[in-house]
Amino acid sequence: MKKILGITMVLLLATSMVPLTLADETEDTQQNEVKIMNNQLGAQIRLLQLEKAITKNIIKGEEVVSVLKESEYNTTELEAILAELELLKGEVQSADSNSTNATQIFVDLKSDAVELTKDFRETLKELLDEKTIEELRERIREMVCEQTQNLSQQIQNRIRQFNRNQLHEIYEIIEETDSSLIDEYQNGNVTREQVKLQISKKINEMTKEKRYQVFSELKESSIRERIQARVCVEDAAENFQVLKPERYVTPL
């Protein structure tokens, strides 16, 4: 039983940490995405990740257009999509991470980003075969990494700060006063997994009664976050059709 409880603790700790990648478009992963957006730092992470994803697609798209122009392809439609992505990127950059409807804004903007990216790919497939498209992807991969390096660093720094805050909350629950390991994590000297392993070790050293108390508090917090995330996603989906037209209204 002790071993099973220890494994469960590790799993709970794992789900409390922010994922490092932009998830795919499904209801479940959307809930995981917005789960950390109940504070400004979490919202900043998600918006920066979205900005990075859009930036990568713009860089790829511009290179594809450049290559196609050299071969005298008609790239008008592709360029129009890239122009919309640029406008969308500007909206992401100006989005207020401290807004009360930051989650709805994020879901709305990401939905548009996914839609535009899909339009670009489908348009490209009408011009080129899959083999040529893959060759282009290989050609521009390193270029994308270089041009998004600054955004990647910003995201990493905020993720570490967010996880540090999460760990401090967990330390309070397990009544651990020595936070030196968390500081080491913040500075990049230890990994997230090493911190979780140390916390799991501390929990397994507790009495049976104390372990169950900690388990209950962590579980309650995890359930509360999942419920809040589901509500945010449902609210955002409900308001999406209202918000989207307002964002694209232009003066006459």
C-alpha atoms as a PDB file:
ATOM      1  CA  MET A   1       0.000   0.000   0.000  1.00  0.00           C
ATOM      2  CA  LYS A   2       2.836   2.374   0.850  1.00  0.00           C
ATOM      3  CA  LYS A   3       4.437   1.806  -2.539  1.00  0.00           C
ATOM      4  CA  ILE A   4       1.141   2.354  -4.374  1.00  0.00           C
ATOM      5  CA  LEU A   5       0.518   5.556  -2.439  1.00  0.00           C
ATOM      6  CA  GLY A   6       4.007   6.777  -3.295  1.00  0.00           C
ATOM      7  CA  ILE A   7       3.418   6.154  -7.015  1.00  0.00           C
ATOM      8  CA  THR A   8       0.097   7.974  -6.821  1.00  0.00           C
ATOM      9  CA  MET A   9       1.815  10.965  -5.232  1.00  0.00           C
ATOM     10  CA  VAL A  10       4.351  11.108  -8.041  1.00  0.00           C
ATOM     11  CA  LEU A  11       1.557  11.030 -10.609  1.00  0.00           C
ATOM     12  CA  LEU A  12      -0.271  13.838  -8.845  1.00  0.00           C
ATOM     13  CA  LEU A  13       2.898  15.891  -8.705  1.00  0.00           C
ATOM     14  CA  ALA A  14       3.534  15.231 -12.370  1.00  0.00           C
ATOM     15  CA  THR A  15       0.105  16.543 -13.371  1.00  0.00           C
ATOM     16  CA  SER A  16       0.605  19.687 -11.309  1.00  0.00           C
ATOM     17  CA  MET A  17       3.596  20.758 -13.408  1.00  0.00           C
ATOM     18  CA  VAL A  18       3.151  22.800 -16.560  1.00  0.00           C
ATOM     19  CA  PRO A  19       3.733  20.965 -19.877  1.00  0.00           C
ATOM     20  CA  LEU A  20       6.472  22.431 -22.075  1.00  0.00           C
ATOM     21  CA  THR A  21       4.724  22.128 -25.441  1.00  0.00           C
ATOM     22  CA  LEU A  22       1.657  23.524 -27.127  1.00  0.00           C
ATOM     23  CA  ALA A  23      -0.953  20.752 -27.011  1.00  0.00           C
ATOM     24  CA  ASP A  24      -3.062  19.569 -29.934  1.00  0.00           C
ATOM     25  CA  GLU A  25      -6.626  20.764 -30.511  1.00  0.00           C
ATOM     26  CA  THR A  26      -8.852  18.412 -28.507  1.00  0.00           C
ATOM     27  CA  GLU A  27     -11.201  19.140 -25.628  1.00  0.00           C
ATOM     28  CA  ASP A  28      -9.101  17.242 -23.088  1.00  0.00           C
ATOM     29  CA  THR A  29      -5.817  18.913 -24.031  1.00  0.00           C
ATOM     30  CA  GLN A  30      -7.523  22.310 -24.097  1.00  0.00           C
ATOM     31  CA  GLN A  31      -8.486  21.736 -20.486  1.00  0.00           C
ATOM     32  CA  ASN A  32      -4.872  20.889 -19.659  1.00  0.00           C
ATOM     33  CA  GLU A  33      -3.760  24.059 -21.409  1.00  0.00           C
ATOM     34  CA  VAL A  34      -6.101  26.418 -19.600  1.00  0.00           C
ATOM     35  CA  LYS A  35      -5.618  24.740 -16.205  1.00  0.00           C
ATOM     36  CA  ILE A  36      -2.623  26.973 -15.474  1.00  0.00           C
ATOM     37  CA  MET A  37      -4.339  30.148 -16.690  1.00  0.00           C
ATOM     38  CA  ASN A  38      -5.945  30.982 -13.343  1.00  0.00           C
ATOM     39  CA  ASN A  39      -3.053  33.373 -12.681  1.00  0.00           C
ATOM     40  CA  GLN A  40      -1.184  35.945 -14.741  1.00  0.00           C
ATOM     41  CA  LEU A  41       2.043  33.939 -15.017  1.00  0.00           C
ATOM     42  CA  GLY A  42       0.235  30.889 -16.378  1.00  0.00           C
ATOM     43  CA  ALA A  43      -1.609  33.047 -18.907  1.00  0.00           C
ATOM     44  CA  GLN A  44       1.697  34.599 -20.000  1.00  0.00           C
ATOM     45  CA  ILE A  45       3.127  31.125 -20.620  1.00  0.00           C
ATOM     46  CA  ARG A  46       0.218  30.055 -22.805  1.00  0.00           C
ATOM     47  CA  LEU A  47       0.186  33.298 -24.809  1.00  0.00           C
ATOM     48  CA  LEU A  48       3.954  33.132 -25.358  1.00  0.00           C
ATOM     49  CA  GLN A  49       3.663  29.517 -26.493  1.00  0.00           C
ATOM     50  CA  LEU A  50       0.934  30.521 -28.922  1.00  0.00           C
ATOM     51  CA  GLU A  51       3.034  33.438 -30.188  1.00  0.00           C
ATOM     52  CA  LYS A  52       5.953  31.067 -30.729  1.00  0.00           C
ATOM     53  CA  ALA A  53       3.782  28.566 -32.626  1.00  0.00           C
ATOM     54  CA  ILE A  54       2.402  31.315 -34.885  1.00  0.00           C
ATOM     55  CA  THR A  55       5.886  32.799 -35.408  1.00  0.00           C
ATOM     56  CA  LYS A  56       7.237  29.399 -36.473  1.00  0.00           C
ATOM     57  CA  ASN A  57       4.429  28.978 -38.977  1.00  0.00           C
ATOM     58  CA  ILE A  58       4.988  32.463 -40.386  1.00  0.00           C
ATOM     59  CA  ILE A  59       8.723  31.829 -40.829  1.00  0.00           C
ATOM     60  CA  LYS A  60       8.024  28.508 -42.540  1.00  0.00           C
ATOM     61  CA  GLY A  61       5.351  30.069 -44.706  1.00  0.00           C
ATOM     62  CA  GLU A  62       7.521  32.971 -45.803  1.00  0.00           C
ATOM     63  CA  GLU A  63      10.323  30.626 -46.830  1.00  0.00           C
ATOM     64  CA  VAL A  64       7.884  28.423 -48.742  1.00  0.00           C
ATOM     65  CA  VAL A  65       6.507  31.455 -50.566  1.00  0.00           C
ATOM     66  CA  SER A  66      10.031  32.619 -51.393  1.00  0.00           C
ATOM     67  CA  VAL A  67      10.914  29.248 -52.917  1.00  0.00           C
ATOM     68  CA  LEU A  68       7.662  29.062 -54.864  1.00  0.00           C
ATOM     69  CA  LYS A  69       8.133  32.557 -56.270  1.00  0.00           C
ATOM     70  CA  GLU A  70      11.527  31.538 -57.618  1.00  0.00           C
ATOM     71  CA  SER A  71       9.734  28.761 -59.511  1.00  0.00           C
ATOM     72  CA  GLU A  72       7.090  31.245 -60.696  1.00  0.00           C
ATOM     73  CA  TYR A  73       4.181  29.753 -58.762  1.00  0.00           C
ATOM     74  CA  ASN A  74       1.170  31.955 -57.965  1.00  0.00           C
ATOM     75  CA  THR A  75       1.523  32.582 -54.215  1.00  0.00           C
ATOM     76  CA  THR A  76      -1.189  35.229 -53.798  1.00  0.00           C
ATOM     77  CA  GLU A  77      -3.455  33.064 -51.660  1.00  0.00           C
ATOM     78  CA  LEU A  78      -0.590  31.852 -49.475  1.00  0.00           C
ATOM     79  CA  GLU A  79       0.617  35.417 -48.907  1.00  0.00           C
ATOM     80  CA  ALA A  80      -2.896  36.490 -47.899  1.00  0.00           C
ATOM     81  CA  ILE A  81      -2.995  33.746 -45.247  1.00  0.00           C
ATOM     82  CA  LEU A  82       0.426  34.799 -43.945  1.00  0.00           C
ATOM     83  CA  ALA A  83      -0.791  38.398 -43.687  1.00  0.00           C
ATOM     84  CA  GLU A  84      -3.702  37.193 -41.526  1.00  0.00           C
ATOM     85  CA  LEU A  85      -1.286  35.207 -39.358  1.00  0.00           C
ATOM     86  CA  GLU A  86       0.815  38.353 -38.869  1.00  0.00           C
ATOM     87  CA  LEU A  87      -2.276  40.255 -37.718  1.00  0.00           C
ATOM     88  CA  LEU A  88      -3.169  37.390 -35.401  1.00  0.00           C
ATOM     89  CA  LYS A  89       0.348  37.373 -33.962  1.00  0.00           C
ATOM     90  CA  GLY A  90      -0.037  41.063 -33.165  1.00  0.00           C
ATOM     91  CA  GLU A  91      -3.270  40.319 -31.303  1.00  0.00           C
ATOM     92  CA  VAL A  92      -1.545  37.610 -29.270  1.00  0.00           C
ATOM     93  CA  GLN A  93       1.297  39.984 -28.380  1.00  0.00           C
ATOM     94  CA  SER A  94      -1.130  42.666 -27.230  1.00  0.00           C
ATOM     95  CA  ALA A  95      -3.434  40.295 -25.310  1.00  0.00           C
ATOM     96  CA  ASP A  96      -3.734  41.150 -21.616  1.00  0.00           C
ATOM     97  CA  SER A  97      -2.597  38.132 -19.578  1.00  0.00           C
ATOM     98  CA  ASN A  98      -4.167  39.711 -16.477  1.00  0.00           C
ATOM     99  CA  SER A  99      -7.610  40.079 -18.056  1.00  0.00           C
ATOM    100  CA  THR A 100     -10.545  38.307 -16.450  1.00  0.00           C
ATOM    101  CA  ASN A 101     -11.343  36.710 -19.828  1.00  0.00           C
ATOM    102  CA  ALA A 102      -7.732  35.796 -20.693  1.00  0.00           C
ATOM    103  CA  THR A 103      -8.727  32.142 -21.114  1.00  0.00           C
ATOM    104  CA  GLN A 104     -11.449  32.966 -23.617  1.00  0.00           C
ATOM    105  CA  ILE A 105      -9.059  35.217 -25.529  1.00  0.00           C
ATOM    106  CA  PHE A 106      -6.439  32.450 -25.652  1.00  0.00           C
ATOM    107  CA  VAL A 107      -8.876  29.779 -26.882  1.00  0.00           C
ATOM    108  CA  ASP A 108     -10.266  32.200 -29.469  1.00  0.00           C
ATOM    109  CA  LEU A 109      -6.848  33.232 -30.791  1.00  0.00           C
ATOM    110  CA  LYS A 110      -5.543  29.690 -30.873  1.00  0.00           C
ATOM    111  CA  SER A 111      -8.598  28.457 -32.748  1.00  0.00           C
ATOM    112  CA  ASP A 112      -7.962  31.095 -35.419  1.00  0.00           C
ATOM    113  CA  ALA A 113      -4.265  30.157 -35.562  1.00  0.00           C
ATOM    114  CA  VAL A 114      -5.112  26.493 -36.097  1.00  0.00           C
ATOM    115  CA  GLU A 115      -7.657  27.387 -38.767  1.00  0.00           C
ATOM    116  CA  LEU A 116      -5.254  29.644 -40.688  1.00  0.00           C
ATOM    117  CA  THR A 117      -2.430  27.109 -40.479  1.00  0.00           C
ATOM    118  CA  LYS A 118      -4.753  24.437 -41.834  1.00  0.00           C
ATOM    119  CA  ASP A 119      -5.783  26.746 -44.704  1.00  0.00           C
ATOM    120  CA  PHE A 120      -2.122  27.348 -45.572  1.00  0.00           C
ATOM    121  CA  ARG A 121      -1.294  23.631 -45.621  1.00  0.00           C
ATOM    122  CA  GLU A 122      -4.317  22.757 -47.740  1.00  0.00           C
ATOM    123  CA  THR A 123      -3.509  25.536 -50.212  1.00  0.00           C
ATOM    124  CA  LEU A 124       0.108  24.374 -50.395  1.00  0.00           C
ATOM    125  CA  LYS A 125      -0.970  20.789 -51.109  1.00  0.00           C
ATOM    126  CA  GLU A 126      -2.806  22.051 -54.164  1.00  0.00           C
ATOM    127  CA  LEU A 127       0.501  23.389 -55.519  1.00  0.00           C
ATOM    128  CA  LEU A 128       3.090  20.785 -54.447  1.00  0.00           C
ATOM    129  CA  ASP A 129       3.319  17.058 -53.829  1.00  0.00           C
ATOM    130  CA  GLU A 130       4.020  15.674 -50.324  1.00  0.00           C
ATOM    131  CA  LYS A 131       7.664  14.811 -51.103  1.00  0.00           C
ATOM    132  CA  THR A 132       8.481  18.380 -52.155  1.00  0.00           C
ATOM    133  CA  ILE A 133       6.704  19.780 -49.087  1.00  0.00           C
ATOM    134  CA  GLU A 134       8.771  17.535 -46.796  1.00  0.00           C
ATOM    135  CA  GLU A 135      11.989  18.681 -48.494  1.00  0.00           C
ATOM    136  CA  LEU A 136      10.992  22.281 -47.807  1.00  0.00           C
ATOM    137  CA  ARG A 137      10.318  21.468 -44.144  1.00  0.00           C
ATOM    138  CA  GLU A 138      13.792  20.024 -43.725  1.00  0.00           C
ATOM    139  CA  ARG A 139      15.340  23.056 -45.380  1.00  0.00           C
ATOM    140  CA  ILE A 140      13.782  25.572 -42.992  1.00  0.00           C
ATOM    141  CA  ARG A 141      13.835  23.638 -39.703  1.00  0.00           C
ATOM    142  CA  GLU A 142      17.111  25.113 -38.376  1.00  0.00           C
ATOM    143  CA  MET A 143      16.120  28.604 -39.478  1.00  0.00           C
ATOM    144  CA  VAL A 144      12.936  28.386 -37.394  1.00  0.00           C
ATOM    145  CA  CYS A 145      14.848  27.281 -34.271  1.00  0.00           C
ATOM    146  CA  GLU A 146      17.239  30.226 -34.537  1.00  0.00           C
ATOM    147  CA  GLN A 147      14.540  32.858 -35.026  1.00  0.00           C
ATOM    148  CA  THR A 148      12.352  31.636 -32.165  1.00  0.00           C
ATOM    149  CA  GLN A 149      15.183  31.163 -29.666  1.00  0.00           C
ATOM    150  CA  ASN A 150      14.326  34.316 -27.716  1.00  0.00           C
ATOM    151  CA  LEU A 151      10.691  33.282 -27.313  1.00  0.00           C
ATOM    152  CA  SER A 152      11.782  29.811 -26.242  1.00  0.00           C
ATOM    153  CA  GLN A 153      13.928  31.314 -23.491  1.00  0.00           C
ATOM    154  CA  GLN A 154      11.114  33.564 -22.266  1.00  0.00           C
ATOM    155  CA  ILE A 155       8.774  30.576 -22.107  1.00  0.00           C
ATOM    156  CA  GLN A 156      11.330  28.443 -20.263  1.00  0.00           C
ATOM    157  CA  ASN A 157      11.948  31.181 -17.662  1.00  0.00           C
ATOM    158  CA  ARG A 158       8.246  31.635 -16.972  1.00  0.00           C
ATOM    159  CA  ILE A 159       7.670  27.884 -16.793  1.00  0.00           C
ATOM    160  CA  ARG A 160      10.390  27.578 -14.158  1.00  0.00           C
ATOM    161  CA  GLN A 161       8.871  30.441 -12.177  1.00  0.00           C
ATOM    162  CA  PHE A 162       5.388  28.931 -12.449  1.00  0.00           C
ATOM    163  CA  ASN A 163       6.612  25.510 -11.356  1.00  0.00           C
ATOM    164  CA  ARG A 164       8.564  27.092  -8.521  1.00  0.00           C
ATOM    165  CA  ASN A 165       5.331  28.644  -7.246  1.00  0.00           C
ATOM    166  CA  GLN A 166       3.569  25.303  -7.613  1.00  0.00           C
ATOM    167  CA  LEU A 167       6.318  23.544  -5.673  1.00  0.00           C
ATOM    168  CA  HIS A 168       6.165  26.084  -2.857  1.00  0.00           C
ATOM    169  CA  GLU A 169       2.457  25.307  -2.478  1.00  0.00           C
ATOM    170  CA  ILE A 170       3.232  21.584  -2.367  1.00  0.00           C
ATOM    171  CA  TYR A 171       5.982  22.224   0.207  1.00  0.00           C
ATOM    172  CA  GLU A 172       3.424  23.991   2.392  1.00  0.00           C
ATOM    173  CA  ILE A 173       1.092  20.999   2.169  1.00  0.00           C
ATOM    174  CA  ILE A 174       3.805  18.513   3.153  1.00  0.00           C
ATOM    175  CA  GLU A 175       5.134  20.999   5.758  1.00  0.00           C
ATOM    176  CA  GLU A 176       8.647  21.015   4.314  1.00  0.00           C
ATOM    177  CA  THR A 177      10.634  24.131   5.298  1.00  0.00           C
ATOM    178  CA  ASP A 178      13.865  23.600   3.354  1.00  0.00           C
ATOM    179  CA  SER A 179      13.234  25.178  -0.060  1.00  0.00           C
ATOM    180  CA  SER A 180      16.854  25.051  -1.273  1.00  0.00           C
ATOM    181  CA  LEU A 181      16.001  22.358  -3.826  1.00  0.00           C
ATOM    182  CA  ILE A 182      13.296  24.570  -5.320  1.00  0.00           C
ATOM    183  CA  ASP A 183      15.825  27.385  -5.653  1.00  0.00           C
ATOM    184  CA  GLU A 184      18.186  24.967  -7.378  1.00  0.00           C
ATOM    185  CA  TYR A 185      15.404  24.071  -9.796  1.00  0.00           C
ATOM    186  CA  GLN A 186      14.676  27.748 -10.454  1.00  0.00           C
ATOM    187  CA  ASN A 187      18.357  28.284 -11.284  1.00  0.00           C
ATOM    188  CA  GLY A 188      18.404  25.303 -13.623  1.00  0.00           C
ATOM    189  CA  ASN A 189      20.780  23.221 -11.499  1.00  0.00           C
ATOM    190  CA  VAL A 190      18.338  20.345 -10.885  1.00  0.00           C
ATOM    191  CA  THR A 191      15.559  18.939 -13.021  1.00  0.00           C
ATOM    192  CA  ARG A 192      11.846  18.938 -12.352  1.00  0.00           C
ATOM    193  CA  GLU A 193      11.975  15.148 -12.031  1.00  0.00           C
ATOM    194  CA  GLN A 194      14.648  15.360  -9.323  1.00  0.00           C
ATOM    195  CA  VAL A 195      12.495  17.728  -7.282  1.00  0.00           C
ATOM    196  CA  LYS A 196       9.436  15.484  -7.634  1.00  0.00           C
ATOM    197  CA  LEU A 197      11.499  12.464  -6.584  1.00  0.00           C
ATOM    198  CA  GLN A 198      12.678  14.280  -3.464  1.00  0.00           C
ATOM    199  CA  ILE A 199       9.113  15.294  -2.582  1.00  0.00           C
ATOM    200  CA  SER A 200       7.931  11.720  -3.073  1.00  0.00           C
ATOM    201  CA  LYS A 201      10.709  10.540  -0.771  1.00  0.00           C
ATOM    202  CA  LYS A 202       9.645  13.031   1.908  1.00  0.00           C
ATOM    203  CA  ILE A 203       6.038  11.853   1.650  1.00  0.00           C
ATOM    204  CA  ASN A 204       7.000   8.198   1.970  1.00  0.00           C
ATOM    205  CA  GLU A 205       8.887   9.000   5.181  1.00  0.00           C
ATOM    206  CA  MET A 206       5.676  10.296   6.789  1.00  0.00           C
ATOM    207  CA  THR A 207       3.362   8.339   9.021  1.00  0.00           C
ATOM    208  CA  LYS A 208       0.445   6.560   7.365  1.00  0.00           C
ATOM    209  CA  GLU A 209      -2.037   9.126   8.717  1.00  0.00           C
ATOM    210  CA  LYS A 210       0.038  12.071   7.502  1.00  0.00           C
ATOM    211  CA  ARG A 211       0.474  10.535   4.054  1.00  0.00           C
ATOM    212  CA  TYR A 212      -3.280  10.168   3.664  1.00  0.00           C
ATOM    213  CA  GLN A 213      -3.796  13.762   4.788  1.00  0.00           C
ATOM    214  CA  VAL A 214      -1.305  15.044   2.210  1.00  0.00           C
ATOM    215  CA  PHE A 215      -2.793  12.790  -0.453  1.00  0.00           C
ATOM    216  CA  SER A 216      -6.274  14.169   0.247  1.00  0.00           C
ATOM    217  CA  GLU A 217      -5.124  17.792   0.019  1.00  0.00           C
ATOM    218  CA  LEU A 218      -3.245  17.222  -3.243  1.00  0.00           C
ATOM    219  CA  LYS A 219      -6.157  15.311  -4.734  1.00  0.00           C
ATOM    220  CA  GLU A 220      -8.647  17.994  -3.719  1.00  0.00           C
ATOM    221  CA  SER A 221      -6.471  20.678  -5.307  1.00  0.00           C
ATOM    222  CA  SER A 222      -6.089  18.634  -8.509  1.00  0.00           C
ATOM    223  CA  ILE A 223      -9.847  18.026  -8.825  1.00  0.00           C
ATOM    224  CA  ARG A 224     -10.570  21.703  -8.201  1.00  0.00           C
ATOM    225  CA  GLU A 225      -8.186  22.718 -10.991  1.00  0.00           C
ATOM    226  CA  ARG A 226      -9.732  20.236 -13.447  1.00  0.00           C
ATOM    227  CA  ILE A 227     -13.255  21.503 -12.732  1.00  0.00           C
ATOM    228  CA  GLN A 228     -12.151  25.107 -13.146  1.00  0.00           C
ATOM    229  CA  ALA A 229     -10.401  24.257 -16.435  1.00  0.00           C
ATOM    230  CA  ARG A 230     -13.507  22.523 -17.810  1.00  0.00           C
ATOM    231  CA  VAL A 231     -15.673  25.536 -16.939  1.00  0.00           C
ATOM    232  CA  CYS A 232     -13.191  27.895 -18.642  1.00  0.00           C
ATOM    233  CA  VAL A 233     -13.126  25.806 -21.831  1.00  0.00           C
ATOM    234  CA  GLU A 234     -16.926  25.568 -21.948  1.00  0.00           C
ATOM    235  CA  ASP A 235     -17.304  29.322 -21.376  1.00  0.00           C
ATOM    236  CA  ALA A 236     -14.713  30.075 -24.058  1.00  0.00           C
ATOM    237  CA  ALA A 237     -16.401  27.748 -26.563  1.00  0.00           C
ATOM    238  CA  GLU A 238     -19.777  29.330 -25.852  1.00  0.00           C
ATOM    239  CA  ASN A 239     -18.450  32.848 -26.440  1.00  0.00           C
ATOM    240  CA  PHE A 240     -16.174  31.995 -29.394  1.00  0.00           C
ATOM    241  CA  GLN A 241     -18.750  32.763 -32.103  1.00  0.00           C
ATOM    242  CA  VAL A 242     -19.509  36.083 -30.403  1.00  0.00           C
ATOM    243  CA  LEU A 243     -15.914  37.169 -29.859  1.00  0.00           C
ATOM    244  CA  LYS A 244     -14.488  36.165 -33.249  1.00  0.00           C
ATOM    245  CA  PRO A 245     -16.583  38.510 -35.465  1.00  0.00           C
ATOM    246  CA  GLU A 246     -15.846  41.447 -33.132  1.00  0.00           C
ATOM    247  CA  ARG A 247     -12.098  40.967 -33.567  1.00  0.00           C
ATOM    248  CA  TYR A 248     -12.283  41.263 -37.362  1.00  0.00           C
ATOM    249  CA  VAL A 249     -14.601  44.247 -37.663  1.00  0.00           C
ATOM    250  CA  THR A 250     -12.766  47.024 -39.552  1.00  0.00           C
ATOM    251  CA  PRO A 251     -13.883  50.657 -39.914  1.00  0.00           C
ATOM    252  CA  LEU A 252     -15.511  51.713 -43.221  1.00  0.00           C
END
